[in-house]
Amino acid sequence: MEEKVLIVEGKSDRKRVNHVLAEPVSIICTYGTLSEEKLETLILPIEDKDVYILVDADDSGEKLRKQLKRELPNATHLYTQKEYGQVETTPFEYLAAVLSEYFDVARME
């Protein structure tokens, strides 16, 4: 089975997503936009894996998403709603719904 990799922006995003996931997933934090050097370091080890991208629904998140689309054209892009803005403020139930198409998620009570 292919290893799944989820790219998020920060530690708070990783913590929130981990709360919802019910399977082991490598979660990589970009900490914002990436320099060419950091981008190459990030991408080389994950090029042959199933990559998913979940970033904030704001200007910096969209800039990062465009950058990652160029470098990882086969990645699957997941989205939070603009009304939630950031992954870290997205309700768990909504995150579970978004992630459940590609990942095993915990039941949200």
N, C-alpha and C. Protein backbone atom coordinates (compact mmCIF):
# COMPACT_ATOMS: atom_id res chain seq x y z
N MET A 1 0.84 -1.19 0.00
CA MET A 1 0.00 0.00 0.00
C MET A 1 0.88 1.24 0.00
N GLU A 2 0.53 2.21 -0.82
CA GLU A 2 1.30 3.45 -0.91
C GLU A 2 1.19 4.24 0.39
N GLU A 3 2.29 4.84 0.78
CA GLU A 3 2.28 5.71 1.94
C GLU A 3 1.60 7.02 1.56
N LYS A 4 0.74 7.50 2.45
CA LYS A 4 0.05 8.76 2.23
C LYS A 4 0.78 9.88 2.96
N VAL A 5 0.88 11.02 2.29
CA VAL A 5 1.51 12.20 2.85
C VAL A 5 0.53 13.35 2.75
N LEU A 6 0.34 14.05 3.84
CA LEU A 6 -0.54 15.21 3.86
C LEU A 6 0.29 16.44 4.16
N ILE A 7 0.21 17.45 3.30
CA ILE A 7 0.96 18.69 3.49
C ILE A 7 0.00 19.74 4.05
N VAL A 8 0.39 20.33 5.18
CA VAL A 8 -0.35 21.42 5.80
C VAL A 8 0.63 22.57 6.06
N GLU A 9 0.10 23.70 6.52
CA GLU A 9 0.98 24.85 6.73
C GLU A 9 1.72 24.84 8.07
N GLY A 10 1.04 24.56 9.16
CA GLY A 10 1.70 24.69 10.45
C GLY A 10 1.36 23.61 11.46
N LYS A 11 1.98 23.71 12.64
CA LYS A 11 1.81 22.72 13.70
C LYS A 11 0.37 22.63 14.18
N SER A 12 -0.32 23.76 14.27
CA SER A 12 -1.72 23.75 14.71
C SER A 12 -2.59 23.01 13.71
N ASP A 13 -2.29 23.17 12.42
CA ASP A 13 -3.02 22.44 11.38
C ASP A 13 -2.77 20.95 11.53
N ARG A 14 -1.51 20.56 11.74
CA ARG A 14 -1.15 19.15 11.89
C ARG A 14 -1.87 18.54 13.09
N LYS A 15 -1.89 19.27 14.19
CA LYS A 15 -2.54 18.79 15.41
C LYS A 15 -4.04 18.59 15.17
N ARG A 16 -4.67 19.53 14.49
CA ARG A 16 -6.12 19.46 14.23
C ARG A 16 -6.43 18.28 13.31
N VAL A 17 -5.65 18.11 12.27
CA VAL A 17 -5.87 17.02 11.32
C VAL A 17 -5.62 15.67 11.99
N ASN A 18 -4.58 15.58 12.81
CA ASN A 18 -4.28 14.34 13.53
C ASN A 18 -5.43 13.90 14.41
N HIS A 19 -6.16 14.87 14.94
CA HIS A 19 -7.30 14.57 15.81
C HIS A 19 -8.39 13.83 15.03
N VAL A 20 -8.46 14.06 13.74
CA VAL A 20 -9.52 13.51 12.89
C VAL A 20 -9.10 12.19 12.23
N LEU A 21 -7.82 12.04 11.92
CA LEU A 21 -7.35 10.86 11.20
C LEU A 21 -7.36 9.61 12.06
N ALA A 22 -7.76 8.49 11.45
CA ALA A 22 -7.78 7.21 12.15
C ALA A 22 -6.81 6.22 11.51
N GLU A 23 -5.88 6.72 10.73
CA GLU A 23 -4.86 5.88 10.11
C GLU A 23 -3.53 6.64 10.16
N PRO A 24 -2.42 5.92 10.11
CA PRO A 24 -1.13 6.61 10.12
C PRO A 24 -0.91 7.36 8.81
N VAL A 25 -0.60 8.63 8.91
CA VAL A 25 -0.35 9.48 7.75
C VAL A 25 0.85 10.36 8.09
N SER A 26 1.79 10.48 7.16
CA SER A 26 2.91 11.42 7.35
C SER A 26 2.36 12.83 7.07
N ILE A 27 2.45 13.69 8.07
CA ILE A 27 1.97 15.05 7.91
C ILE A 27 3.17 15.99 7.92
N ILE A 28 3.32 16.72 6.82
CA ILE A 28 4.45 17.63 6.66
C ILE A 28 3.95 19.06 6.80
N CYS A 29 4.63 19.84 7.61
CA CYS A 29 4.32 21.26 7.77
C CYS A 29 5.27 22.08 6.90
N THR A 30 4.72 23.03 6.15
CA THR A 30 5.56 23.89 5.32
C THR A 30 5.96 25.16 6.04
N TYR A 31 5.20 25.56 7.04
CA TYR A 31 5.44 26.81 7.77
C TYR A 31 5.41 28.00 6.82
N GLY A 32 4.46 27.99 5.90
CA GLY A 32 4.29 29.10 4.95
C GLY A 32 4.88 28.77 3.60
N THR A 33 5.11 29.80 2.80
CA THR A 33 5.64 29.58 1.47
C THR A 33 7.08 29.08 1.56
N LEU A 34 7.51 28.45 0.49
CA LEU A 34 8.80 27.76 0.52
C LEU A 34 9.79 28.37 -0.46
N SER A 35 11.05 28.43 -0.03
CA SER A 35 12.12 28.82 -0.95
C SER A 35 12.35 27.63 -1.88
N GLU A 36 13.03 27.87 -2.99
CA GLU A 36 13.32 26.79 -3.93
C GLU A 36 14.09 25.66 -3.25
N GLU A 37 15.03 26.02 -2.40
CA GLU A 37 15.85 25.01 -1.70
C GLU A 37 14.99 24.17 -0.76
N LYS A 38 14.15 24.84 0.05
CA LYS A 38 13.27 24.11 0.97
C LYS A 38 12.26 23.27 0.21
N LEU A 39 11.77 23.79 -0.91
CA LEU A 39 10.80 23.08 -1.72
C LEU A 39 11.39 21.78 -2.25
N GLU A 40 12.61 21.85 -2.75
CA GLU A 40 13.29 20.66 -3.28
C GLU A 40 13.51 19.63 -2.18
N THR A 41 13.91 20.09 -1.00
CA THR A 41 14.13 19.20 0.14
C THR A 41 12.84 18.52 0.56
N LEU A 42 11.73 19.25 0.47
CA LEU A 42 10.42 18.70 0.83
C LEU A 42 9.94 17.69 -0.19
N ILE A 43 10.08 18.01 -1.47
CA ILE A 43 9.45 17.24 -2.54
C ILE A 43 10.19 15.94 -2.89
N LEU A 44 11.49 15.96 -2.95
CA LEU A 44 12.23 14.76 -3.37
C LEU A 44 11.83 13.49 -2.63
N PRO A 45 11.72 13.50 -1.30
CA PRO A 45 11.37 12.25 -0.62
C PRO A 45 9.92 11.80 -0.80
N ILE A 46 9.04 12.67 -1.30
CA ILE A 46 7.62 12.31 -1.37
C ILE A 46 7.08 12.21 -2.79
N GLU A 47 7.92 12.39 -3.78
CA GLU A 47 7.46 12.39 -5.17
C GLU A 47 6.71 11.12 -5.57
N ASP A 48 7.09 9.98 -5.02
CA ASP A 48 6.48 8.72 -5.42
C ASP A 48 5.41 8.24 -4.43
N LYS A 49 4.94 9.12 -3.57
CA LYS A 49 3.91 8.77 -2.59
C LYS A 49 2.58 9.42 -2.96
N ASP A 50 1.50 8.98 -2.31
CA ASP A 50 0.20 9.62 -2.48
C ASP A 50 0.22 10.91 -1.65
N VAL A 51 0.22 12.05 -2.33
CA VAL A 51 0.35 13.34 -1.65
C VAL A 51 -0.97 14.09 -1.70
N TYR A 52 -1.34 14.63 -0.55
CA TYR A 52 -2.56 15.42 -0.39
C TYR A 52 -2.16 16.78 0.20
N ILE A 53 -2.82 17.82 -0.24
CA ILE A 53 -2.48 19.17 0.21
C ILE A 53 -3.72 19.81 0.81
N LEU A 54 -3.62 20.26 2.05
CA LEU A 54 -4.70 20.95 2.74
C LEU A 54 -4.12 22.20 3.39
N VAL A 55 -4.37 23.34 2.78
CA VAL A 55 -3.84 24.60 3.30
C VAL A 55 -4.99 25.57 3.56
N ASP A 56 -4.67 26.66 4.22
CA ASP A 56 -5.67 27.65 4.59
C ASP A 56 -6.34 28.28 3.37
N ALA A 57 -7.56 28.72 3.56
CA ALA A 57 -8.32 29.39 2.50
C ALA A 57 -8.10 30.90 2.60
N ASP A 58 -6.82 31.30 2.53
CA ASP A 58 -6.48 32.72 2.55
C ASP A 58 -5.40 32.97 1.50
N ASP A 59 -4.94 34.20 1.40
CA ASP A 59 -3.98 34.54 0.35
C ASP A 59 -2.68 33.74 0.45
N SER A 60 -2.14 33.60 1.66
CA SER A 60 -0.88 32.87 1.79
C SER A 60 -1.09 31.38 1.50
N GLY A 61 -2.24 30.84 1.89
CA GLY A 61 -2.54 29.44 1.59
C GLY A 61 -2.67 29.20 0.10
N GLU A 62 -3.32 30.13 -0.59
CA GLU A 62 -3.48 29.99 -2.05
C GLU A 62 -2.13 30.13 -2.77
N LYS A 63 -1.28 31.01 -2.27
CA LYS A 63 0.06 31.16 -2.86
C LYS A 63 0.85 29.86 -2.70
N LEU A 64 0.78 29.28 -1.52
CA LEU A 64 1.46 28.01 -1.27
C LEU A 64 0.87 26.90 -2.14
N ARG A 65 -0.46 26.86 -2.25
CA ARG A 65 -1.12 25.84 -3.07
C ARG A 65 -0.65 25.93 -4.52
N LYS A 66 -0.55 27.14 -5.08
CA LYS A 66 -0.08 27.31 -6.46
C LYS A 66 1.35 26.81 -6.61
N GLN A 67 2.17 27.12 -5.64
CA GLN A 67 3.57 26.68 -5.66
C GLN A 67 3.64 25.15 -5.64
N LEU A 68 2.84 24.53 -4.79
CA LEU A 68 2.85 23.07 -4.68
C LEU A 68 2.23 22.41 -5.90
N LYS A 69 1.25 23.05 -6.52
CA LYS A 69 0.65 22.49 -7.75
C LYS A 69 1.68 22.37 -8.85
N ARG A 70 2.56 23.36 -8.95
CA ARG A 70 3.62 23.32 -9.97
C ARG A 70 4.60 22.18 -9.70
N GLU A 71 4.96 22.01 -8.45
CA GLU A 71 5.99 21.04 -8.10
C GLU A 71 5.44 19.62 -7.92
N LEU A 72 4.20 19.51 -7.53
CA LEU A 72 3.58 18.20 -7.29
C LEU A 72 2.26 18.14 -8.07
N PRO A 73 2.35 18.06 -9.40
CA PRO A 73 1.12 18.14 -10.21
C PRO A 73 0.15 16.99 -9.98
N ASN A 74 0.60 15.87 -9.46
CA ASN A 74 -0.28 14.73 -9.22
C ASN A 74 -0.88 14.71 -7.82
N ALA A 75 -0.55 15.70 -7.00
CA ALA A 75 -1.09 15.75 -5.64
C ALA A 75 -2.59 16.01 -5.68
N THR A 76 -3.27 15.53 -4.68
CA THR A 76 -4.71 15.77 -4.53
C THR A 76 -4.88 16.96 -3.61
N HIS A 77 -5.67 17.93 -4.05
CA HIS A 77 -5.89 19.15 -3.26
C HIS A 77 -7.20 19.06 -2.50
N LEU A 78 -7.11 19.29 -1.21
CA LEU A 78 -8.27 19.31 -0.32
C LEU A 78 -8.48 20.75 0.15
N TYR A 79 -9.73 21.10 0.40
CA TYR A 79 -10.03 22.50 0.70
C TYR A 79 -10.90 22.63 1.94
N THR A 80 -10.61 23.66 2.73
CA THR A 80 -11.51 24.07 3.78
C THR A 80 -12.37 25.19 3.19
N GLN A 81 -13.44 25.54 3.85
CA GLN A 81 -14.29 26.61 3.34
C GLN A 81 -13.70 27.97 3.71
N LYS A 82 -13.93 28.95 2.84
CA LYS A 82 -13.43 30.30 3.09
C LYS A 82 -13.96 30.85 4.42
N GLU A 83 -15.18 30.50 4.77
CA GLU A 83 -15.75 31.00 6.02
C GLU A 83 -14.97 30.52 7.25
N TYR A 84 -14.31 29.36 7.15
CA TYR A 84 -13.48 28.87 8.26
C TYR A 84 -12.08 29.48 8.18
N GLY A 85 -11.67 29.86 7.00
CA GLY A 85 -10.38 30.52 6.81
C GLY A 85 -9.19 29.60 6.94
N GLN A 86 -8.92 29.17 8.15
CA GLN A 86 -7.72 28.38 8.41
C GLN A 86 -8.07 26.94 8.76
N VAL A 87 -7.16 26.06 8.45
CA VAL A 87 -7.36 24.65 8.79
C VAL A 87 -7.52 24.50 10.30
N GLU A 88 -6.74 25.24 11.06
CA GLU A 88 -6.77 25.09 12.52
C GLU A 88 -8.08 25.57 13.15
N THR A 89 -8.90 26.32 12.41
CA THR A 89 -10.19 26.77 12.93
C THR A 89 -11.36 26.07 12.24
N THR A 90 -11.08 25.14 11.36
CA THR A 90 -12.12 24.39 10.67
C THR A 90 -12.72 23.38 11.66
N PRO A 91 -14.04 23.31 11.75
CA PRO A 91 -14.66 22.34 12.67
C PRO A 91 -14.22 20.90 12.35
N PHE A 92 -14.06 20.11 13.40
CA PHE A 92 -13.62 18.73 13.24
C PHE A 92 -14.55 17.95 12.29
N GLU A 93 -15.85 18.18 12.41
CA GLU A 93 -16.81 17.46 11.58
C GLU A 93 -16.58 17.76 10.10
N TYR A 94 -16.29 19.02 9.79
CA TYR A 94 -16.05 19.39 8.39
C TYR A 94 -14.74 18.77 7.90
N LEU A 95 -13.69 18.84 8.73
CA LEU A 95 -12.41 18.22 8.37
C LEU A 95 -12.60 16.72 8.12
N ALA A 96 -13.35 16.07 8.97
CA ALA A 96 -13.59 14.63 8.81
C ALA A 96 -14.28 14.36 7.48
N ALA A 97 -15.24 15.20 7.12
CA ALA A 97 -15.96 15.01 5.86
C ALA A 97 -15.01 15.19 4.67
N VAL A 98 -14.16 16.21 4.71
CA VAL A 98 -13.22 16.48 3.63
C VAL A 98 -12.19 15.34 3.52
N LEU A 99 -11.67 14.91 4.63
CA LEU A 99 -10.61 13.89 4.64
C LEU A 99 -11.14 12.48 4.38
N SER A 100 -12.40 12.23 4.68
CA SER A 100 -12.93 10.86 4.62
C SER A 100 -12.94 10.27 3.21
N GLU A 101 -12.87 11.10 2.20
CA GLU A 101 -12.85 10.59 0.84
C GLU A 101 -11.52 9.88 0.53
N TYR A 102 -10.47 10.24 1.26
CA TYR A 102 -9.13 9.71 0.97
C TYR A 102 -8.47 9.00 2.15
N PHE A 103 -8.98 9.23 3.35
CA PHE A 103 -8.36 8.70 4.57
C PHE A 103 -9.42 8.04 5.45
N ASP A 104 -8.96 7.15 6.34
CA ASP A 104 -9.83 6.65 7.40
C ASP A 104 -9.88 7.75 8.46
N VAL A 105 -11.07 8.12 8.85
CA VAL A 105 -11.21 9.18 9.85
C VAL A 105 -11.93 8.65 11.08
N ALA A 106 -11.68 9.31 12.21
CA ALA A 106 -12.34 8.96 13.46
C ALA A 106 -13.78 9.44 13.41
N ARG A 107 -14.66 8.74 14.08
CA ARG A 107 -16.05 9.21 14.17
C ARG A 107 -16.09 10.43 15.07
N MET A 108 -16.72 11.46 14.59
CA MET A 108 -16.84 12.70 15.35
C MET A 108 -18.17 12.67 16.11
N GLU A 109 -18.07 12.72 17.43
CA GLU A 109 -19.29 12.67 18.28
C GLU A 109 -19.65 14.05 18.74
